[in-house]
Structure formats: C-alpha cells, structure tokens
Amino acid sequence: MVAGATPLSEAQLPVRPLGDPGGLHRELARLEKELSRLVPDLLRDLLRERVAELASEAERAALLGTDKVRTAMLDLLAPFRALLSEGDELARDWLGEGGSEEESEPLVSLEELARREVEERALPIQIAVRDMPSRAAAGARTLFVQRRLQVPRSLAERILLHELEAHLLPRLEAQRSGAPFAIGPALSWLDEEGFALELERRGGFLKGARSRELAHRYRAARAVLEGMSPESIVTELCDFGHPREEAVRIWARAARGPGLGRDVVYLLGYLRVSRALKAHASLEKWFRRGRMSVEAAERLDAGV
C-alpha cells in the first residue's frame, strides 16, 4: 500500500436501497404470463425472454450489499466462458499497444461541442450538465455531460459518437418503432455496448488510450469477480502506470453493484457484435432501431 493512502474496502462503494425487489419479481412473473395472449409469436417470445431476464436481474439486485452478489454475477456470465477467454486475449493485445494519440491535442469543452452537434443536426435531444463521475451518459432523450469537462478534441468526438449514435439516436427511434426496441430483448444489456464499440472502431477511435482504458476496466472487473482484494487490484493498476487516484476509480467502477464486474460487457459485447455484423451486415438496421441483441437481430432479420 502507498504510504499515507486510505485502505480500500467495500464500504467505500455506494449502496442504494432498491425498494421491494420481491414485489417487482412478482409483477414481472404476472406480465410474463399475460404476454402470450397479447402479442404475435415472435414479439411475444422476445418480450417473454426479456421479462424473464428482468426478473433474474431483480433477484440479483436484492443481493446488493451481500457477498452473494459475486456468485450471482458469475452465474450470469457462465454461458460466456469461452468469450471471456477471448476477452482476456483481446485485453492483453490492447495493453501492448503504443502511447496516447491525445496528449498533444488542444482541449475543448465537451458541453459546448455536444450542444453544437445537437443544434447543427437538429436532434430532439436535451443537454444536461451534472456533477457526476462519468464524462457523459445517455438517457431516453437527454445527453448528460460532466460539468466543466475539458478534454482533447478526439476524445470529445469519440464520446459523442458513442453516446449519440449507439445509445441516444436508437432510443429515440425505439419510441417510434415500439416493442421490443425500447425495453430491449434479452442480452441487449450486453450487445448495446458492443455496438457502441463497433462504431468507435469504424470511427478510428478504438486504439491507443481508449483500447487500453477498456482493457484495464475489463481486467479489473474480471479480478473483482475472481475475488481479488481491492488493494491488489489497485496495486496492479498502479504497476501499469495509473496514478493511484485513477486506479481507485477503475476499481470502484468494477466493484459497483448490483452490476458487479459489469465492465466485462464492453469487450464481450464488442466481440459478439463485430463478429455478427461482419458475417451479416443486414443485422445493423435492427441495432439502429433501438436496444438490441445479436440473437434477437438474427431472429427479426429472418422473421421467425
């Protein structure tokens, strides 16, 4: 441990009460039963699968703040064991890449660039400035940006591509498309981020500092799920050259609940989506209509 540094503990992570997850689970079970007589076969099946997934998510949320949440997340990721190994290899490759392309760039205001982009394209999107840990986040019709954030221009452009093209614009389209695009089919929590990274790759952003950041977040999330101690994770990140404050931020993101270790989804989703779109380019239109998964896009494309 660094001299004078505050020891890390799970108590440093924010824990929010989740109301009555049991009641939510019962309501989801009721909804799943009713869906079979309300909608056509394909849509019914997609929605029932999503409702079942949400019911499982409610059960995991009820474990927040307990030592059982890690086991629950490992069970959730169990079907992706082979893909996790591919993610490990990809993370190693990305960590071996060269230096940052952003170091010599002038800084720009993310808020100003976002407002200009939205105005020039006449997008029906609100810009909301917040004091928040992440640089930006997407809502249903709102792009949230960190207050007074100055970043290299290429980073700002990458953030806007990610949040607008992969999240906000499909969510706006989903409001016109209807089900299942707004709620998303099962595994859309995985593949929505994968589609965002595929768009980053096409834009020339998935390299250097960005790919290394994702690799570190992936490895930290994997370490959390494997039960590695917080101090060991932070020490490993510091050994890679991260300042301790940044290393703690990466660990805290990986250890947050109830999506404990959720940062693995970026590389897993990217591997799934990039592979699927390379094989069948026609699937992309479904990702642009709202929240989507590879399997649901394939079924919608086939009409079965």
C-alpha atoms as a PDB file:
ATOM      1  CA  MET A   1       0.000   0.000   0.000  1.00  0.00           C
ATOM      2  CA  VAL A   2       1.168   3.537  -0.755  1.00  0.00           C
ATOM      3  CA  ALA A   3       2.265   5.327   2.426  1.00  0.00           C
ATOM      4  CA  GLY A   4      -0.491   7.513   3.796  1.00  0.00           C
ATOM      5  CA  ALA A   5      -3.118   6.109   1.425  1.00  0.00           C
ATOM      6  CA  THR A   6      -6.567   5.270   2.738  1.00  0.00           C
ATOM      7  CA  PRO A   7      -7.190   1.488   2.787  1.00  0.00           C
ATOM      8  CA  LEU A   8      -9.795   0.296   0.314  1.00  0.00           C
ATOM      9  CA  SER A   9     -12.910  -1.519   1.384  1.00  0.00           C
ATOM     10  CA  GLU A  10     -16.280  -2.428   0.008  1.00  0.00           C
ATOM     11  CA  ALA A  11     -17.721   0.163   2.407  1.00  0.00           C
ATOM     12  CA  GLN A  12     -16.400   2.882   0.100  1.00  0.00           C
ATOM     13  CA  LEU A  13     -18.860   1.830  -2.597  1.00  0.00           C
ATOM     14  CA  PRO A  14     -22.293   3.499  -2.727  1.00  0.00           C
ATOM     15  CA  VAL A  15     -25.151   1.168  -1.828  1.00  0.00           C
ATOM     16  CA  ARG A  16     -28.667   2.296  -2.678  1.00  0.00           C
ATOM     17  CA  PRO A  17     -31.858   0.693  -1.307  1.00  0.00           C
ATOM     18  CA  LEU A  18     -33.852  -0.997  -4.048  1.00  0.00           C
ATOM     19  CA  GLY A  19     -37.338  -0.871  -2.566  1.00  0.00           C
ATOM     20  CA  ASP A  20     -39.241  -4.142  -2.877  1.00  0.00           C
ATOM     21  CA  PRO A  21     -37.466  -6.378  -5.417  1.00  0.00           C
ATOM     22  CA  GLY A  22     -39.733  -9.246  -4.384  1.00  0.00           C
ATOM     23  CA  GLY A  23     -42.792  -7.253  -5.430  1.00  0.00           C
ATOM     24  CA  LEU A  24     -41.103  -6.352  -8.700  1.00  0.00           C
ATOM     25  CA  HIS A  25     -40.338 -10.009  -9.321  1.00  0.00           C
ATOM     26  CA  ARG A  26     -43.995 -10.974  -8.781  1.00  0.00           C
ATOM     27  CA  GLU A  27     -45.158  -8.266 -11.164  1.00  0.00           C
ATOM     28  CA  LEU A  28     -42.690  -9.416 -13.821  1.00  0.00           C
ATOM     29  CA  ALA A  29     -43.886 -13.001 -13.440  1.00  0.00           C
ATOM     30  CA  ARG A  30     -47.502 -11.831 -13.921  1.00  0.00           C
ATOM     31  CA  LEU A  31     -46.516  -9.858 -17.008  1.00  0.00           C
ATOM     32  CA  GLU A  32     -44.698 -12.832 -18.495  1.00  0.00           C
ATOM     33  CA  LYS A  33     -47.887 -14.934 -18.214  1.00  0.00           C
ATOM     34  CA  GLU A  34     -50.050 -12.309 -19.895  1.00  0.00           C
ATOM     35  CA  LEU A  35     -47.728 -11.663 -22.831  1.00  0.00           C
ATOM     36  CA  SER A  36     -48.589 -14.914 -24.593  1.00  0.00           C
ATOM     37  CA  ARG A  37     -52.131 -13.721 -25.381  1.00  0.00           C
ATOM     38  CA  LEU A  38     -51.357 -10.058 -26.117  1.00  0.00           C
ATOM     39  CA  VAL A  39     -48.849 -10.114 -28.972  1.00  0.00           C
ATOM     40  CA  PRO A  40     -47.824 -12.138 -32.066  1.00  0.00           C
ATOM     41  CA  ASP A  41     -45.491 -15.096 -31.680  1.00  0.00           C
ATOM     42  CA  LEU A  42     -42.054 -13.582 -32.407  1.00  0.00           C
ATOM     43  CA  LEU A  43     -42.659 -10.415 -30.434  1.00  0.00           C
ATOM     44  CA  ARG A  44     -44.259 -12.402 -27.626  1.00  0.00           C
ATOM     45  CA  ASP A  45     -41.225 -14.649 -27.369  1.00  0.00           C
ATOM     46  CA  LEU A  46     -38.772 -11.745 -27.386  1.00  0.00           C
ATOM     47  CA  LEU A  47     -40.696  -9.918 -24.679  1.00  0.00           C
ATOM     48  CA  ARG A  48     -41.165 -13.000 -22.523  1.00  0.00           C
ATOM     49  CA  GLU A  49     -37.440 -13.695 -22.664  1.00  0.00           C
ATOM     50  CA  ARG A  50     -36.712 -10.102 -21.676  1.00  0.00           C
ATOM     51  CA  VAL A  51     -39.201 -10.184 -18.806  1.00  0.00           C
ATOM     52  CA  ALA A  52     -37.617 -13.399 -17.523  1.00  0.00           C
ATOM     53  CA  GLU A  53     -34.212 -11.709 -17.721  1.00  0.00           C
ATOM     54  CA  LEU A  54     -35.503  -8.685 -15.788  1.00  0.00           C
ATOM     55  CA  ALA A  55     -36.905 -10.999 -13.121  1.00  0.00           C
ATOM     56  CA  SER A  56     -33.445 -12.553 -12.702  1.00  0.00           C
ATOM     57  CA  GLU A  57     -31.939  -9.077 -12.551  1.00  0.00           C
ATOM     58  CA  ALA A  58     -34.364  -8.151  -9.760  1.00  0.00           C
ATOM     59  CA  GLU A  59     -33.218 -11.207  -7.815  1.00  0.00           C
ATOM     60  CA  ARG A  60     -29.572 -10.164  -8.222  1.00  0.00           C
ATOM     61  CA  ALA A  61     -30.422  -6.614  -7.178  1.00  0.00           C
ATOM     62  CA  ALA A  62     -31.860  -7.984  -3.940  1.00  0.00           C
ATOM     63  CA  LEU A  63     -28.381  -9.348  -3.149  1.00  0.00           C
ATOM     64  CA  LEU A  64     -26.777  -5.905  -3.294  1.00  0.00           C
ATOM     65  CA  GLY A  65     -24.542  -5.359  -0.271  1.00  0.00           C
ATOM     66  CA  THR A  66     -24.087  -9.091   0.374  1.00  0.00           C
ATOM     67  CA  ASP A  67     -21.261 -11.459  -0.538  1.00  0.00           C
ATOM     68  CA  LYS A  68     -23.700 -13.448  -2.721  1.00  0.00           C
ATOM     69  CA  VAL A  69     -23.778 -10.847  -5.491  1.00  0.00           C
ATOM     70  CA  ARG A  70     -20.416 -12.032  -6.849  1.00  0.00           C
ATOM     71  CA  THR A  71     -21.683 -15.608  -7.176  1.00  0.00           C
ATOM     72  CA  ALA A  72     -24.822 -14.338  -8.914  1.00  0.00           C
ATOM     73  CA  MET A  73     -22.772 -12.391 -11.442  1.00  0.00           C
ATOM     74  CA  LEU A  74     -20.544 -15.406 -12.099  1.00  0.00           C
ATOM     75  CA  ASP A  75     -23.670 -17.466 -12.778  1.00  0.00           C
ATOM     76  CA  LEU A  76     -24.907 -14.764 -15.188  1.00  0.00           C
ATOM     77  CA  LEU A  77     -21.635 -14.859 -17.128  1.00  0.00           C
ATOM     78  CA  ALA A  78     -21.250 -18.657 -17.076  1.00  0.00           C
ATOM     79  CA  PRO A  79     -22.637 -19.133 -20.640  1.00  0.00           C
ATOM     80  CA  PHE A  80     -19.912 -16.775 -21.910  1.00  0.00           C
ATOM     81  CA  ARG A  81     -16.927 -18.678 -20.534  1.00  0.00           C
ATOM     82  CA  ALA A  82     -15.314 -19.117 -23.971  1.00  0.00           C
ATOM     83  CA  LEU A  83     -15.977 -15.488 -24.855  1.00  0.00           C
ATOM     84  CA  LEU A  84     -14.398 -14.371 -21.574  1.00  0.00           C
ATOM     85  CA  SER A  85     -11.205 -16.170 -22.613  1.00  0.00           C
ATOM     86  CA  GLU A  86     -11.302 -14.296 -25.924  1.00  0.00           C
ATOM     87  CA  GLY A  87     -11.789 -11.087 -23.954  1.00  0.00           C
ATOM     88  CA  ASP A  88      -8.717 -11.894 -21.858  1.00  0.00           C
ATOM     89  CA  GLU A  89      -6.662 -12.283 -25.028  1.00  0.00           C
ATOM     90  CA  LEU A  90      -8.029  -9.090 -26.576  1.00  0.00           C
ATOM     91  CA  ALA A  91      -7.295  -7.136 -23.383  1.00  0.00           C
ATOM     92  CA  ARG A  92      -3.688  -8.389 -23.422  1.00  0.00           C
ATOM     93  CA  ASP A  93      -3.320  -7.312 -27.046  1.00  0.00           C
ATOM     94  CA  TRP A  94      -4.723  -3.844 -26.347  1.00  0.00           C
ATOM     95  CA  LEU A  95      -2.452  -3.353 -23.341  1.00  0.00           C
ATOM     96  CA  GLY A  96       0.521  -3.942 -25.617  1.00  0.00           C
ATOM     97  CA  GLU A  97      -0.353  -1.044 -27.921  1.00  0.00           C
ATOM     98  CA  GLY A  98       1.566   2.255 -28.135  1.00  0.00           C
ATOM     99  CA  GLY A  99       1.116   5.648 -26.460  1.00  0.00           C
ATOM    100  CA  SER A 100      -1.773   8.082 -26.383  1.00  0.00           C
ATOM    101  CA  GLU A 101      -2.731   9.976 -29.516  1.00  0.00           C
ATOM    102  CA  GLU A 102      -4.472  12.634 -27.416  1.00  0.00           C
ATOM    103  CA  GLU A 103      -1.537  14.080 -25.469  1.00  0.00           C
ATOM    104  CA  SER A 104      -0.703  16.927 -27.891  1.00  0.00           C
ATOM    105  CA  GLU A 105      -4.280  17.875 -28.778  1.00  0.00           C
ATOM    106  CA  PRO A 106      -5.891  21.131 -27.617  1.00  0.00           C
ATOM    107  CA  LEU A 107      -8.647  20.798 -25.030  1.00  0.00           C
ATOM    108  CA  VAL A 108     -12.284  21.528 -25.839  1.00  0.00           C
ATOM    109  CA  SER A 109     -15.448  21.785 -23.754  1.00  0.00           C
ATOM    110  CA  LEU A 110     -17.457  18.592 -24.061  1.00  0.00           C
ATOM    111  CA  GLU A 111     -20.637  20.531 -23.248  1.00  0.00           C
ATOM    112  CA  GLU A 112     -20.042  23.126 -25.974  1.00  0.00           C
ATOM    113  CA  LEU A 113     -19.173  20.503 -28.582  1.00  0.00           C
ATOM    114  CA  ALA A 114     -22.252  18.465 -27.647  1.00  0.00           C
ATOM    115  CA  ARG A 115     -24.561  21.495 -27.905  1.00  0.00           C
ATOM    116  CA  ARG A 116     -23.105  22.414 -31.293  1.00  0.00           C
ATOM    117  CA  GLU A 117     -23.542  18.862 -32.580  1.00  0.00           C
ATOM    118  CA  VAL A 118     -27.153  18.647 -31.406  1.00  0.00           C
ATOM    119  CA  GLU A 119     -28.043  22.070 -32.839  1.00  0.00           C
ATOM    120  CA  GLU A 120     -26.361  21.506 -36.222  1.00  0.00           C
ATOM    121  CA  ARG A 121     -28.131  18.167 -36.675  1.00  0.00           C
ATOM    122  CA  ALA A 122     -31.429  19.470 -35.221  1.00  0.00           C
ATOM    123  CA  LEU A 123     -31.622  16.484 -32.891  1.00  0.00           C
ATOM    124  CA  PRO A 124     -34.539  16.364 -30.391  1.00  0.00           C
ATOM    125  CA  ILE A 125     -32.086  15.879 -27.527  1.00  0.00           C
ATOM    126  CA  GLN A 126     -31.565  17.895 -24.347  1.00  0.00           C
ATOM    127  CA  ILE A 127     -28.086  18.547 -22.929  1.00  0.00           C
ATOM    128  CA  ALA A 128     -27.940  18.342 -19.120  1.00  0.00           C
ATOM    129  CA  VAL A 129     -24.783  19.307 -17.213  1.00  0.00           C
ATOM    130  CA  ARG A 130     -24.195  17.377 -13.989  1.00  0.00           C
ATOM    131  CA  ASP A 131     -21.577  16.810 -11.302  1.00  0.00           C
ATOM    132  CA  MET A 132     -21.034  13.108 -11.955  1.00  0.00           C
ATOM    133  CA  PRO A 133     -18.106  10.654 -12.074  1.00  0.00           C
ATOM    134  CA  SER A 134     -18.528   9.631 -15.721  1.00  0.00           C
ATOM    135  CA  ARG A 135     -17.764  12.037 -18.554  1.00  0.00           C
ATOM    136  CA  ALA A 136     -21.130  11.506 -20.260  1.00  0.00           C
ATOM    137  CA  ALA A 137     -24.205   9.292 -20.130  1.00  0.00           C
ATOM    138  CA  ALA A 138     -27.321   8.799 -22.240  1.00  0.00           C
ATOM    139  CA  GLY A 139     -30.913   8.969 -21.055  1.00  0.00           C
ATOM    140  CA  ALA A 140     -34.078   8.500 -23.103  1.00  0.00           C
ATOM    141  CA  ARG A 141     -33.924  11.981 -24.680  1.00  0.00           C
ATOM    142  CA  THR A 142     -31.091  13.560 -22.702  1.00  0.00           C
ATOM    143  CA  LEU A 143     -27.328  13.595 -23.014  1.00  0.00           C
ATOM    144  CA  PHE A 144     -25.772  14.119 -19.590  1.00  0.00           C
ATOM    145  CA  VAL A 145     -22.271  15.616 -19.553  1.00  0.00           C
ATOM    146  CA  GLN A 146     -19.866  16.238 -16.715  1.00  0.00           C
ATOM    147  CA  ARG A 147     -19.763  19.861 -15.582  1.00  0.00           C
ATOM    148  CA  ARG A 148     -16.849  21.975 -16.873  1.00  0.00           C
ATOM    149  CA  LEU A 149     -15.204  18.989 -18.524  1.00  0.00           C
ATOM    150  CA  GLN A 150     -12.313  19.875 -20.848  1.00  0.00           C
ATOM    151  CA  VAL A 151     -10.935  17.005 -22.932  1.00  0.00           C
ATOM    152  CA  PRO A 152      -8.844  16.518 -26.097  1.00  0.00           C
ATOM    153  CA  ARG A 153     -10.992  17.046 -29.181  1.00  0.00           C
ATOM    154  CA  SER A 154     -10.672  13.463 -30.443  1.00  0.00           C
ATOM    155  CA  LEU A 155     -11.850  12.208 -27.041  1.00  0.00           C
ATOM    156  CA  ALA A 156     -14.870  14.530 -27.148  1.00  0.00           C
ATOM    157  CA  GLU A 157     -15.706  13.327 -30.659  1.00  0.00           C
ATOM    158  CA  ARG A 158     -15.401   9.710 -29.555  1.00  0.00           C
ATOM    159  CA  ILE A 159     -17.687  10.285 -26.556  1.00  0.00           C
ATOM    160  CA  LEU A 160     -20.343  11.948 -28.719  1.00  0.00           C
ATOM    161  CA  LEU A 161     -20.183   9.166 -31.308  1.00  0.00           C
ATOM    162  CA  HIS A 162     -20.628   6.563 -28.573  1.00  0.00           C
ATOM    163  CA  GLU A 163     -23.466   8.292 -26.708  1.00  0.00           C
ATOM    164  CA  LEU A 164     -25.383   9.729 -29.674  1.00  0.00           C
ATOM    165  CA  GLU A 165     -25.073   7.131 -32.427  1.00  0.00           C
ATOM    166  CA  ALA A 166     -25.119   3.963 -30.320  1.00  0.00           C
ATOM    167  CA  HIS A 167     -27.414   4.976 -27.451  1.00  0.00           C
ATOM    168  CA  LEU A 168     -29.497   8.126 -27.850  1.00  0.00           C
ATOM    169  CA  LEU A 169     -30.456   8.010 -31.532  1.00  0.00           C
ATOM    170  CA  PRO A 170     -31.514   4.336 -31.387  1.00  0.00           C
ATOM    171  CA  ARG A 171     -33.516   5.101 -28.222  1.00  0.00           C
ATOM    172  CA  LEU A 172     -35.296   7.945 -29.998  1.00  0.00           C
ATOM    173  CA  GLU A 173     -36.031   5.646 -32.926  1.00  0.00           C
ATOM    174  CA  ALA A 174     -37.320   2.996 -30.491  1.00  0.00           C
ATOM    175  CA  GLN A 175     -40.055   5.375 -29.364  1.00  0.00           C
ATOM    176  CA  ARG A 176     -41.400   5.269 -32.931  1.00  0.00           C
ATOM    177  CA  SER A 177     -40.663   1.582 -33.550  1.00  0.00           C
ATOM    178  CA  GLY A 178     -42.420   0.232 -30.455  1.00  0.00           C
ATOM    179  CA  ALA A 179     -41.660  -3.151 -28.918  1.00  0.00           C
ATOM    180  CA  PRO A 180     -39.219  -4.763 -28.428  1.00  0.00           C
ATOM    181  CA  PHE A 181     -36.815  -1.907 -29.185  1.00  0.00           C
ATOM    182  CA  ALA A 182     -37.497   0.330 -26.171  1.00  0.00           C
ATOM    183  CA  ILE A 183     -37.290  -2.314 -23.460  1.00  0.00           C
ATOM    184  CA  GLY A 184     -34.733  -4.283 -25.468  1.00  0.00           C
ATOM    185  CA  PRO A 185     -34.638  -8.066 -25.912  1.00  0.00           C
ATOM    186  CA  ALA A 186     -32.663 -10.381 -23.649  1.00  0.00           C
ATOM    187  CA  LEU A 187     -28.896  -9.684 -23.761  1.00  0.00           C
ATOM    188  CA  SER A 188     -29.376  -6.154 -25.082  1.00  0.00           C
ATOM    189  CA  TRP A 189     -27.523  -5.021 -21.921  1.00  0.00           C
ATOM    190  CA  LEU A 190     -24.501  -6.795 -23.412  1.00  0.00           C
ATOM    191  CA  ASP A 191     -24.762  -6.007 -27.119  1.00  0.00           C
ATOM    192  CA  GLU A 192     -25.813  -2.345 -26.956  1.00  0.00           C
ATOM    193  CA  GLU A 193     -22.342  -1.536 -25.611  1.00  0.00           C
ATOM    194  CA  GLY A 194     -20.802  -3.888 -28.146  1.00  0.00           C
ATOM    195  CA  PHE A 195     -22.468  -1.961 -30.969  1.00  0.00           C
ATOM    196  CA  ALA A 196     -21.135   1.288 -29.490  1.00  0.00           C
ATOM    197  CA  LEU A 197     -17.573  -0.063 -29.569  1.00  0.00           C
ATOM    198  CA  GLU A 198     -18.030  -1.318 -33.117  1.00  0.00           C
ATOM    199  CA  LEU A 199     -18.983   2.236 -34.140  1.00  0.00           C
ATOM    200  CA  GLU A 200     -15.921   3.538 -32.279  1.00  0.00           C
ATOM    201  CA  ARG A 201     -13.740   1.106 -34.229  1.00  0.00           C
ATOM    202  CA  ARG A 202     -15.159   2.330 -37.526  1.00  0.00           C
ATOM    203  CA  GLY A 203     -14.530   5.912 -36.468  1.00  0.00           C
ATOM    204  CA  GLY A 204     -10.874   5.143 -35.782  1.00  0.00           C
ATOM    205  CA  PHE A 205     -11.194   5.636 -32.014  1.00  0.00           C
ATOM    206  CA  LEU A 206     -10.754   2.069 -30.745  1.00  0.00           C
ATOM    207  CA  LYS A 207      -6.994   2.218 -30.323  1.00  0.00           C
ATOM    208  CA  GLY A 208      -4.250   3.606 -28.092  1.00  0.00           C
ATOM    209  CA  ALA A 209      -5.510   5.223 -24.902  1.00  0.00           C
ATOM    210  CA  ARG A 210      -9.127   4.149 -25.469  1.00  0.00           C
ATOM    211  CA  SER A 211      -8.411   0.471 -26.048  1.00  0.00           C
ATOM    212  CA  ARG A 212      -6.026   0.374 -23.071  1.00  0.00           C
ATOM    213  CA  GLU A 213      -8.646   2.025 -20.843  1.00  0.00           C
ATOM    214  CA  LEU A 214     -11.197  -0.631 -21.820  1.00  0.00           C
ATOM    215  CA  ALA A 215      -8.633  -3.372 -21.284  1.00  0.00           C
ATOM    216  CA  HIS A 216      -7.809  -2.140 -17.773  1.00  0.00           C
ATOM    217  CA  ARG A 217     -11.503  -1.881 -16.889  1.00  0.00           C
ATOM    218  CA  TYR A 218     -12.098  -5.388 -18.227  1.00  0.00           C
ATOM    219  CA  ARG A 219      -9.200  -6.860 -16.252  1.00  0.00           C
ATOM    220  CA  ALA A 220     -10.269  -5.043 -13.078  1.00  0.00           C
ATOM    221  CA  ALA A 221     -13.816  -6.357 -13.456  1.00  0.00           C
ATOM    222  CA  ARG A 222     -12.521  -9.883 -14.012  1.00  0.00           C
ATOM    223  CA  ALA A 223     -10.347  -9.553 -10.894  1.00  0.00           C
ATOM    224  CA  VAL A 224     -13.334  -8.390  -8.814  1.00  0.00           C
ATOM    225  CA  LEU A 225     -15.375 -11.370  -9.982  1.00  0.00           C
ATOM    226  CA  GLU A 226     -12.498 -13.710  -9.163  1.00  0.00           C
ATOM    227  CA  GLY A 227     -12.409 -12.368  -5.595  1.00  0.00           C
ATOM    228  CA  MET A 228      -9.105 -10.462  -5.766  1.00  0.00           C
ATOM    229  CA  SER A 229      -8.739  -7.929  -2.951  1.00  0.00           C
ATOM    230  CA  PRO A 230      -9.315  -4.234  -3.717  1.00  0.00           C
ATOM    231  CA  GLU A 231      -5.766  -3.326  -2.719  1.00  0.00           C
ATOM    232  CA  SER A 232      -4.287  -5.985  -5.017  1.00  0.00           C
ATOM    233  CA  ILE A 233      -6.350  -4.722  -7.960  1.00  0.00           C
ATOM    234  CA  VAL A 234      -5.319  -1.110  -7.348  1.00  0.00           C
ATOM    235  CA  THR A 235      -1.662  -2.114  -6.945  1.00  0.00           C
ATOM    236  CA  GLU A 236      -1.740  -3.976 -10.264  1.00  0.00           C
ATOM    237  CA  LEU A 237      -3.269  -0.936 -11.982  1.00  0.00           C
ATOM    238  CA  CYS A 238      -0.597   1.321 -10.447  1.00  0.00           C
ATOM    239  CA  ASP A 239       2.069  -1.070 -11.734  1.00  0.00           C
ATOM    240  CA  PHE A 240       0.707  -0.384 -15.233  1.00  0.00           C
ATOM    241  CA  GLY A 241       1.334   3.328 -14.693  1.00  0.00           C
ATOM    242  CA  HIS A 242      -2.019   4.576 -13.422  1.00  0.00           C
ATOM    243  CA  PRO A 243      -1.899   7.223 -10.672  1.00  0.00           C
ATOM    244  CA  ARG A 244      -3.412   5.791  -7.503  1.00  0.00           C
ATOM    245  CA  GLU A 245      -6.490   8.042  -7.695  1.00  0.00           C
ATOM    246  CA  GLU A 246      -7.213   6.792 -11.223  1.00  0.00           C
ATOM    247  CA  ALA A 247      -6.554   3.179 -10.191  1.00  0.00           C
ATOM    248  CA  VAL A 248      -9.047   3.502  -7.325  1.00  0.00           C
ATOM    249  CA  ARG A 249     -11.625   4.950  -9.760  1.00  0.00           C
ATOM    250  CA  ILE A 250     -11.232   1.961 -12.086  1.00  0.00           C
ATOM    251  CA  TRP A 251     -11.535  -0.482  -9.182  1.00  0.00           C
ATOM    252  CA  ALA A 252     -14.615   1.302  -7.790  1.00  0.00           C
ATOM    253  CA  ARG A 253     -16.295   1.185 -11.198  1.00  0.00           C
ATOM    254  CA  ALA A 254     -15.572  -2.546 -11.479  1.00  0.00           C
ATOM    255  CA  ALA A 255     -16.792  -3.250  -7.929  1.00  0.00           C
ATOM    256  CA  ARG A 256     -20.037  -1.280  -8.015  1.00  0.00           C
ATOM    257  CA  GLY A 257     -23.281  -3.195  -7.553  1.00  0.00           C
ATOM    258  CA  PRO A 258     -25.643  -4.720  -8.424  1.00  0.00           C
ATOM    259  CA  GLY A 259     -23.797  -4.987 -11.752  1.00  0.00           C
ATOM    260  CA  LEU A 260     -20.652  -6.218 -10.023  1.00  0.00           C
ATOM    261  CA  GLY A 261     -17.931  -6.705 -12.608  1.00  0.00           C
ATOM    262  CA  ARG A 262     -20.187  -5.271 -15.294  1.00  0.00           C
ATOM    263  CA  ASP A 263     -17.291  -3.712 -17.218  1.00  0.00           C
ATOM    264  CA  VAL A 264     -16.634  -7.089 -18.813  1.00  0.00           C
ATOM    265  CA  VAL A 265     -19.641  -6.417 -21.062  1.00  0.00           C
ATOM    266  CA  TYR A 266     -17.776  -3.923 -23.234  1.00  0.00           C
ATOM    267  CA  LEU A 267     -15.277  -6.405 -24.639  1.00  0.00           C
ATOM    268  CA  LEU A 268     -17.731  -9.321 -24.645  1.00  0.00           C
ATOM    269  CA  GLY A 269     -20.362  -7.280 -26.459  1.00  0.00           C
ATOM    270  CA  TYR A 270     -17.802  -5.941 -28.907  1.00  0.00           C
ATOM    271  CA  LEU A 271     -16.616  -9.435 -29.799  1.00  0.00           C
ATOM    272  CA  ARG A 272     -20.207 -10.617 -30.306  1.00  0.00           C
ATOM    273  CA  VAL A 273     -21.482  -7.655 -32.309  1.00  0.00           C
ATOM    274  CA  SER A 274     -18.428  -7.079 -34.507  1.00  0.00           C
ATOM    275  CA  ARG A 275     -18.411 -10.761 -35.442  1.00  0.00           C
ATOM    276  CA  ALA A 276     -22.151 -10.826 -36.179  1.00  0.00           C
ATOM    277  CA  LEU A 277     -22.118  -7.671 -38.310  1.00  0.00           C
ATOM    278  CA  LYS A 278     -19.106  -8.873 -40.262  1.00  0.00           C
ATOM    279  CA  ALA A 279     -20.992 -12.072 -41.111  1.00  0.00           C
ATOM    280  CA  HIS A 280     -24.384 -10.405 -41.739  1.00  0.00           C
ATOM    281  CA  ALA A 281     -24.319  -6.650 -42.384  1.00  0.00           C
ATOM    282  CA  SER A 282     -28.127  -6.624 -42.615  1.00  0.00           C
ATOM    283  CA  LEU A 283     -28.341  -7.017 -38.819  1.00  0.00           C
ATOM    284  CA  GLU A 284     -27.145  -3.452 -38.253  1.00  0.00           C
ATOM    285  CA  LYS A 285     -30.521  -1.895 -39.095  1.00  0.00           C
ATOM    286  CA  TRP A 286     -32.020  -3.560 -36.022  1.00  0.00           C
ATOM    287  CA  PHE A 287     -29.355  -2.078 -33.733  1.00  0.00           C
ATOM    288  CA  ARG A 288     -30.177   1.374 -35.087  1.00  0.00           C
ATOM    289  CA  ARG A 289     -33.888   0.971 -34.263  1.00  0.00           C
ATOM    290  CA  GLY A 290     -33.381   0.647 -30.514  1.00  0.00           C
ATOM    291  CA  ARG A 291     -31.884  -1.621 -27.888  1.00  0.00           C
ATOM    292  CA  MET A 292     -30.928  -4.902 -29.497  1.00  0.00           C
ATOM    293  CA  SER A 293     -29.030  -8.187 -29.094  1.00  0.00           C
ATOM    294  CA  VAL A 294     -27.309 -10.294 -31.722  1.00  0.00           C
ATOM    295  CA  GLU A 295     -29.705 -13.221 -31.298  1.00  0.00           C
ATOM    296  CA  ALA A 296     -32.837 -11.042 -31.496  1.00  0.00           C
ATOM    297  CA  ALA A 297     -31.498  -9.209 -34.565  1.00  0.00           C
ATOM    298  CA  GLU A 298     -30.918 -12.546 -36.278  1.00  0.00           C
ATOM    299  CA  ARG A 299     -34.463 -13.697 -35.481  1.00  0.00           C
ATOM    300  CA  LEU A 300     -36.005 -10.391 -36.563  1.00  0.00           C
ATOM    301  CA  ASP A 301     -33.990 -10.454 -39.776  1.00  0.00           C
ATOM    302  CA  ALA A 302     -35.206 -13.963 -40.519  1.00  0.00           C
ATOM    303  CA  GLY A 303     -38.755 -13.119 -39.433  1.00  0.00           C
ATOM    304  CA  VAL A 304     -39.028 -16.182 -37.225  1.00  0.00           C
END
